[in-house]
């Protein structure tokens, strides 16, 4: 698998999706429909609640307020960016959903633009993917890498 990142000693089993030691997801996890992929998604082997906490923390560090759905793994937020060569800033209203990729036993992070410029949305997606793939999530005194691609 491409993009595998591990901390020393491997991943704590309680952080891995589908592992018997991992807690059951706290919210409803809808199934990923592979044929409907927009190309702005990637997979993770980590438990959805761990992904949720890391994702929200990352978005808030970007200065955005996150609307968190209480029943589903679904998040809405607006990111502001300045395009090179322009004086004005662009706002992109985005949504991220966590979905169960049954075929590959993964949790997929699906990004979509709700309003704003598509070029800015694609740039934000690439940044999210790069930053989240290299980020480290702390679990007490254990470390586990946040995400991996499938």
Protein backbone atom coordinates (compact mmCIF):
# COMPACT_ATOMS: atom_id res chain seq x y z
CA UNK A 1 0.00 0.00 0.00
CA UNK A 2 1.26 3.44 -0.89
CA UNK A 3 1.55 6.10 1.76
CA UNK A 4 1.97 3.87 4.81
CA UNK A 5 3.44 5.81 7.72
CA UNK A 6 4.05 4.19 11.07
CA UNK A 7 5.38 5.36 14.40
CA UNK A 8 7.99 3.26 16.15
CA UNK A 9 6.48 0.09 17.55
CA UNK A 10 3.59 0.02 15.08
CA UNK A 11 0.03 1.22 15.46
CA UNK A 12 -1.96 0.73 18.66
CA UNK A 13 -4.58 -1.90 17.80
CA UNK A 14 -7.34 0.15 19.43
CA UNK A 15 -6.82 2.80 16.74
CA UNK A 16 -7.31 0.49 13.74
CA UNK A 17 -10.68 0.27 12.00
CA UNK A 18 -12.19 -3.22 12.17
CA UNK A 19 -9.74 -4.45 14.81
CA UNK A 20 -11.46 -6.34 17.62
CA UNK A 21 -9.83 -3.99 20.16
CA UNK A 22 -11.10 -0.86 18.41
CA UNK A 23 -14.26 0.63 19.87
CA UNK A 24 -17.44 0.54 17.80
CA UNK A 25 -18.03 3.78 15.86
CA UNK A 26 -20.04 6.27 17.93
CA UNK A 27 -22.02 7.50 14.90
CA UNK A 28 -23.60 5.96 11.84
CA UNK A 29 -20.99 5.14 9.18
CA UNK A 30 -22.56 5.03 5.71
CA UNK A 31 -21.18 2.76 3.00
CA UNK A 32 -18.84 4.19 0.37
CA UNK A 33 -20.17 3.76 -3.19
CA UNK A 34 -17.01 3.24 -5.25
CA UNK A 35 -18.62 4.05 -8.61
CA UNK A 36 -19.63 7.50 -7.37
CA UNK A 37 -16.18 8.65 -6.23
CA UNK A 38 -15.45 12.27 -7.13
CA UNK A 39 -11.70 11.78 -6.99
CA UNK A 40 -11.45 13.98 -3.91
CA UNK A 41 -11.35 11.17 -1.37
CA UNK A 42 -8.78 8.93 0.24
CA UNK A 43 -8.77 5.93 2.56
CA UNK A 44 -7.60 5.38 6.10
CA UNK A 45 -7.25 2.28 8.20
CA UNK A 46 -7.86 4.21 11.42
CA UNK A 47 -11.05 4.18 13.47
CA UNK A 48 -13.59 6.86 12.47
CA UNK A 49 -13.64 8.51 15.90
CA UNK A 50 -9.85 8.96 15.79
CA UNK A 51 -10.13 10.41 12.27
CA UNK A 52 -12.94 12.72 13.40
CA UNK A 53 -10.94 14.15 16.29
CA UNK A 54 -7.85 14.67 14.13
CA UNK A 55 -9.83 16.21 11.27
CA UNK A 56 -11.72 18.67 13.49
CA UNK A 57 -8.50 19.69 15.24
CA UNK A 58 -6.79 20.25 11.89
CA UNK A 59 -9.67 22.33 10.44
CA UNK A 60 -9.87 24.48 13.57
CA UNK A 61 -6.11 25.13 13.36
CA UNK A 62 -6.81 26.56 9.89
CA UNK A 63 -9.04 29.15 11.61
CA UNK A 64 -12.36 27.65 10.48
CA UNK A 65 -15.42 26.86 12.57
CA UNK A 66 -16.61 23.29 11.99
CA UNK A 67 -20.28 22.28 11.90
CA UNK A 68 -20.29 18.70 13.24
CA UNK A 69 -23.27 16.44 12.55
CA UNK A 70 -24.30 14.69 15.77
CA UNK A 71 -25.52 11.47 14.09
CA UNK A 72 -23.23 11.02 11.07
CA UNK A 73 -19.54 11.48 10.36
CA UNK A 74 -20.17 14.67 8.39
CA UNK A 75 -18.49 18.07 8.74
CA UNK A 76 -19.07 21.45 7.08
CA UNK A 77 -16.72 24.42 7.18
CA UNK A 78 -15.54 27.44 5.19
CA UNK A 79 -11.88 27.98 4.33
CA UNK A 80 -10.52 31.29 3.06
CA UNK A 81 -7.57 31.47 0.70
CA UNK A 82 -5.73 34.12 -1.25
CA UNK A 83 -4.96 33.17 -4.83
CA UNK A 84 -1.57 34.22 -6.17
CA UNK A 85 -1.81 37.43 -8.18
CA UNK A 86 -5.16 38.53 -6.72
CA UNK A 87 -5.87 41.06 -3.97
CA UNK A 88 -9.13 39.46 -2.88
CA UNK A 89 -9.59 36.32 -0.80
CA UNK A 90 -11.73 33.38 -1.85
CA UNK A 91 -14.07 31.48 0.45
CA UNK A 92 -14.77 27.79 -0.16
CA UNK A 93 -17.61 26.14 1.75
CA UNK A 94 -16.69 22.45 2.02
CA UNK A 95 -18.02 19.21 3.41
CA UNK A 96 -16.16 16.10 4.54
CA UNK A 97 -17.90 12.77 5.11
CA UNK A 98 -16.40 9.61 6.55
CA UNK A 99 -17.68 6.51 4.78
CA UNK A 100 -17.14 2.75 5.19
CA UNK A 101 -15.25 1.28 2.23
CA UNK A 102 -16.45 -2.31 2.74
CA UNK A 103 -14.50 -3.73 -0.21
CA UNK A 104 -11.13 -2.50 1.12
CA UNK A 105 -11.95 -2.48 4.88
CA UNK A 106 -11.16 1.23 5.12
CA UNK A 107 -12.73 4.48 6.22
CA UNK A 108 -12.84 6.89 3.27
CA UNK A 109 -12.65 10.66 3.72
CA UNK A 110 -14.79 12.20 0.99
CA UNK A 111 -14.31 15.93 0.35
CA UNK A 112 -16.84 18.00 -1.61
CA UNK A 113 -17.33 21.66 -2.46
CA UNK A 114 -20.70 23.05 -1.43
CA UNK A 115 -20.02 26.61 -2.60
CA UNK A 116 -17.06 28.53 -3.95
CA UNK A 117 -14.29 28.11 -6.46
CA UNK A 118 -13.43 24.56 -7.63
CA UNK A 119 -9.74 25.39 -8.08
CA UNK A 120 -9.53 26.58 -4.47
CA UNK A 121 -11.39 23.46 -3.31
CA UNK A 122 -8.94 21.19 -5.16
CA UNK A 123 -6.00 23.07 -3.64
CA UNK A 124 -7.51 22.71 -0.15
CA UNK A 125 -8.08 18.98 -0.76
CA UNK A 126 -4.44 18.45 -1.81
CA UNK A 127 -3.29 20.32 1.31
CA UNK A 128 -5.60 18.29 3.56
CA UNK A 129 -4.38 15.04 2.05
CA UNK A 130 -0.70 16.00 2.35
CA UNK A 131 -0.97 17.43 5.87
CA UNK A 132 -3.20 14.70 7.28
CA UNK A 133 -1.07 11.94 5.78
CA UNK A 134 2.02 13.24 7.54
CA UNK A 135 0.34 14.31 10.78
CA UNK A 136 0.76 12.38 14.01
CA UNK A 137 -2.09 11.69 16.42
CA UNK A 138 -1.22 11.20 20.08
CA UNK A 139 -3.11 8.53 22.01
CA UNK A 140 -2.16 9.08 25.62
CA UNK A 141 1.56 8.32 25.61
CA UNK A 142 1.35 6.20 22.42
CA UNK A 143 1.73 7.61 18.91
CA UNK A 144 -0.13 6.55 15.80
CA UNK A 145 0.04 8.16 12.41
CA UNK A 146 -3.22 9.81 11.47
CA UNK A 147 -3.96 8.44 8.01
CA UNK A 148 -2.75 6.29 5.16
CA UNK A 149 -3.88 6.07 1.59
CA UNK A 150 -5.14 2.97 -0.07
